[in-house]
C-alpha atoms as a PDB file:
ATOM      1  CA  UNK A   1      84.306  96.643 104.242  1.00  0.00           C
ATOM      2  CA  UNK A   2      87.736  96.956 102.619  1.00  0.00           C
ATOM      3  CA  UNK A   3      89.728  93.754 102.134  1.00  0.00           C
ATOM      4  CA  UNK A   4      92.967  95.446 103.145  1.00  0.00           C
ATOM      5  CA  UNK A   5      95.108  98.542 103.032  1.00  0.00           C
ATOM      6  CA  UNK A   6      98.739  99.367 102.384  1.00  0.00           C
ATOM      7  CA  UNK A   7     101.277 102.137 102.183  1.00  0.00           C
ATOM      8  CA  UNK A   8     104.655 102.706 100.569  1.00  0.00           C
ATOM      9  CA  UNK A   9     107.390 104.949 101.905  1.00  0.00           C
ATOM     10  CA  UNK A  10     109.886 105.909  99.204  1.00  0.00           C
ATOM     11  CA  UNK A  11     112.697 106.612 101.682  1.00  0.00           C
ATOM     12  CA  UNK A  12     113.824 105.218 105.015  1.00  0.00           C
ATOM     13  CA  UNK A  13     114.607 107.262 108.096  1.00  0.00           C
ATOM     14  CA  UNK A  14     116.759 105.742 110.833  1.00  0.00           C
ATOM     15  CA  UNK A  15     113.559 105.005 112.733  1.00  0.00           C
ATOM     16  CA  UNK A  16     111.905 103.281 109.742  1.00  0.00           C
ATOM     17  CA  UNK A  17     115.028 101.179 109.190  1.00  0.00           C
ATOM     18  CA  UNK A  18     114.507  99.760 112.672  1.00  0.00           C
ATOM     19  CA  UNK A  19     110.719  99.459 112.655  1.00  0.00           C
ATOM     20  CA  UNK A  20     108.288 100.188 109.856  1.00  0.00           C
ATOM     21  CA  UNK A  21     110.308  99.739 106.691  1.00  0.00           C
ATOM     22  CA  UNK A  22     109.232 100.865 103.218  1.00  0.00           C
ATOM     23  CA  UNK A  23     105.958  98.976 103.092  1.00  0.00           C
ATOM     24  CA  UNK A  24     103.142  98.421 105.529  1.00  0.00           C
ATOM     25  CA  UNK A  25      99.907  96.560 104.902  1.00  0.00           C
ATOM     26  CA  UNK A  26      97.063  94.816 106.634  1.00  0.00           C
ATOM     27  CA  UNK A  27      94.289  92.452 105.640  1.00  0.00           C
ATOM     28  CA  UNK A  28      90.899  92.435 107.377  1.00  0.00           C
ATOM     29  CA  UNK A  29      90.563  89.335 109.576  1.00  0.00           C
ATOM     30  CA  UNK A  30      87.714  87.806 107.566  1.00  0.00           C
ATOM     31  CA  UNK A  31      89.878  87.874 104.401  1.00  0.00           C
ATOM     32  CA  UNK A  32      93.109  86.475 105.845  1.00  0.00           C
ATOM     33  CA  UNK A  33      94.474  83.205 104.509  1.00  0.00           C
ATOM     34  CA  UNK A  34      92.914  83.701 101.072  1.00  0.00           C
ATOM     35  CA  UNK A  35      95.899  85.097  99.155  1.00  0.00           C
ATOM     36  CA  UNK A  36      95.000  88.773  99.450  1.00  0.00           C
ATOM     37  CA  UNK A  37      98.120  89.599 101.476  1.00  0.00           C
ATOM     38  CA  UNK A  38     100.391  88.096  98.844  1.00  0.00           C
ATOM     39  CA  UNK A  39      98.614  90.018  96.085  1.00  0.00           C
ATOM     40  CA  UNK A  40      98.545  93.276  98.036  1.00  0.00           C
ATOM     41  CA  UNK A  41     102.256  93.070  98.832  1.00  0.00           C
ATOM     42  CA  UNK A  42     102.999  92.340  95.169  1.00  0.00           C
ATOM     43  CA  UNK A  43     101.062  95.463  94.139  1.00  0.00           C
ATOM     44  CA  UNK A  44     102.761  97.559  96.820  1.00  0.00           C
ATOM     45  CA  UNK A  45     106.169  96.369  95.590  1.00  0.00           C
ATOM     46  CA  UNK A  46     105.221  97.564  92.096  1.00  0.00           C
ATOM     47  CA  UNK A  47     104.292 100.979  93.515  1.00  0.00           C
ATOM     48  CA  UNK A  48     107.548 101.105  95.469  1.00  0.00           C
ATOM     49  CA  UNK A  49     109.436 100.379  92.259  1.00  0.00           C
ATOM     50  CA  UNK A  50     107.569 103.179  90.488  1.00  0.00           C
ATOM     51  CA  UNK A  51     108.635 105.491  93.343  1.00  0.00           C
ATOM     52  CA  UNK A  52     112.291 104.580  92.766  1.00  0.00           C
ATOM     53  CA  UNK A  53     112.741 101.985  95.512  1.00  0.00           C
ATOM     54  CA  UNK A  54     114.822  99.045  94.228  1.00  0.00           C
ATOM     55  CA  UNK A  55     114.752  96.981  97.435  1.00  0.00           C
ATOM     56  CA  UNK A  56     111.992  97.402  99.971  1.00  0.00           C
ATOM     57  CA  UNK A  57     112.425  96.746 103.670  1.00  0.00           C
ATOM     58  CA  UNK A  58     109.645  95.068 105.620  1.00  0.00           C
ATOM     59  CA  UNK A  59     109.766  94.776 109.390  1.00  0.00           C
ATOM     60  CA  UNK A  60     107.521  92.060 110.771  1.00  0.00           C
ATOM     61  CA  UNK A  61     106.776  90.839 114.279  1.00  0.00           C
ATOM     62  CA  UNK A  62     108.564  87.486 114.730  1.00  0.00           C
ATOM     63  CA  UNK A  63     105.340  85.750 115.761  1.00  0.00           C
ATOM     64  CA  UNK A  64     103.492  86.959 112.635  1.00  0.00           C
ATOM     65  CA  UNK A  65     104.270  83.853 110.602  1.00  0.00           C
ATOM     66  CA  UNK A  66     101.642  84.548 107.903  1.00  0.00           C
ATOM     67  CA  UNK A  67     103.223  87.943 107.112  1.00  0.00           C
ATOM     68  CA  UNK A  68     106.691  86.412 107.038  1.00  0.00           C
ATOM     69  CA  UNK A  69     105.369  83.785 104.604  1.00  0.00           C
ATOM     70  CA  UNK A  70     103.818  86.526 102.424  1.00  0.00           C
ATOM     71  CA  UNK A  71     107.140  88.379 102.315  1.00  0.00           C
ATOM     72  CA  UNK A  72     109.000  85.178 101.395  1.00  0.00           C
ATOM     73  CA  UNK A  73     106.411  84.331  98.720  1.00  0.00           C
ATOM     74  CA  UNK A  74     107.168  87.713  97.159  1.00  0.00           C
ATOM     75  CA  UNK A  75     110.903  87.010  96.975  1.00  0.00           C
ATOM     76  CA  UNK A  76     111.944  88.264 100.395  1.00  0.00           C
ATOM     77  CA  UNK A  77     115.297  87.511 101.985  1.00  0.00           C
ATOM     78  CA  UNK A  78     115.957  87.630 105.723  1.00  0.00           C
ATOM     79  CA  UNK A  79     118.228  90.459 106.818  1.00  0.00           C
ATOM     80  CA  UNK A  80     117.973  90.205 110.589  1.00  0.00           C
ATOM     81  CA  UNK A  81     115.853  88.632 113.289  1.00  0.00           C
ATOM     82  CA  UNK A  82     115.559  89.823 116.877  1.00  0.00           C
ATOM     83  CA  UNK A  83     113.040  89.284 119.663  1.00  0.00           C
ATOM     84  CA  UNK A  84     111.240  92.438 118.456  1.00  0.00           C
ATOM     85  CA  UNK A  85     111.168  92.111 114.666  1.00  0.00           C
ATOM     86  CA  UNK A  86     112.211  90.270 111.551  1.00  0.00           C
ATOM     87  CA  UNK A  87     113.718  92.471 108.847  1.00  0.00           C
ATOM     88  CA  UNK A  88     113.129  91.264 105.278  1.00  0.00           C
ATOM     89  CA  UNK A  89     114.363  92.849 102.034  1.00  0.00           C
ATOM     90  CA  UNK A  90     112.333  92.353  98.866  1.00  0.00           C
ATOM     91  CA  UNK A  91     113.467  93.260  95.359  1.00  0.00           C
ATOM     92  CA  UNK A  92     110.825  95.507  93.778  1.00  0.00           C
ATOM     93  CA  UNK A  93     111.850  94.642  90.202  1.00  0.00           C
ATOM     94  CA  UNK A  94     109.797  91.445  89.936  1.00  0.00           C
END
């Protein structure tokens, strides 16, 4: 079973700016809380940088506190919070 998966989008459409962002990832339930999300996001930020993205947008459900913490642990800064999502920008040049 894979530990997790991720993807990087090198550009943002209007739709992705609202929901989706540049980076998406997920960690299998049995591996959550063990640091894999933080590591995976770090690696995805490196790939985004290689693709020419200087700041990556992540959109996260407001009740997904572990993902918000992972984004913050990777240098994220809050851009906006609504009832539907939290938008976080992360510098890819880390």
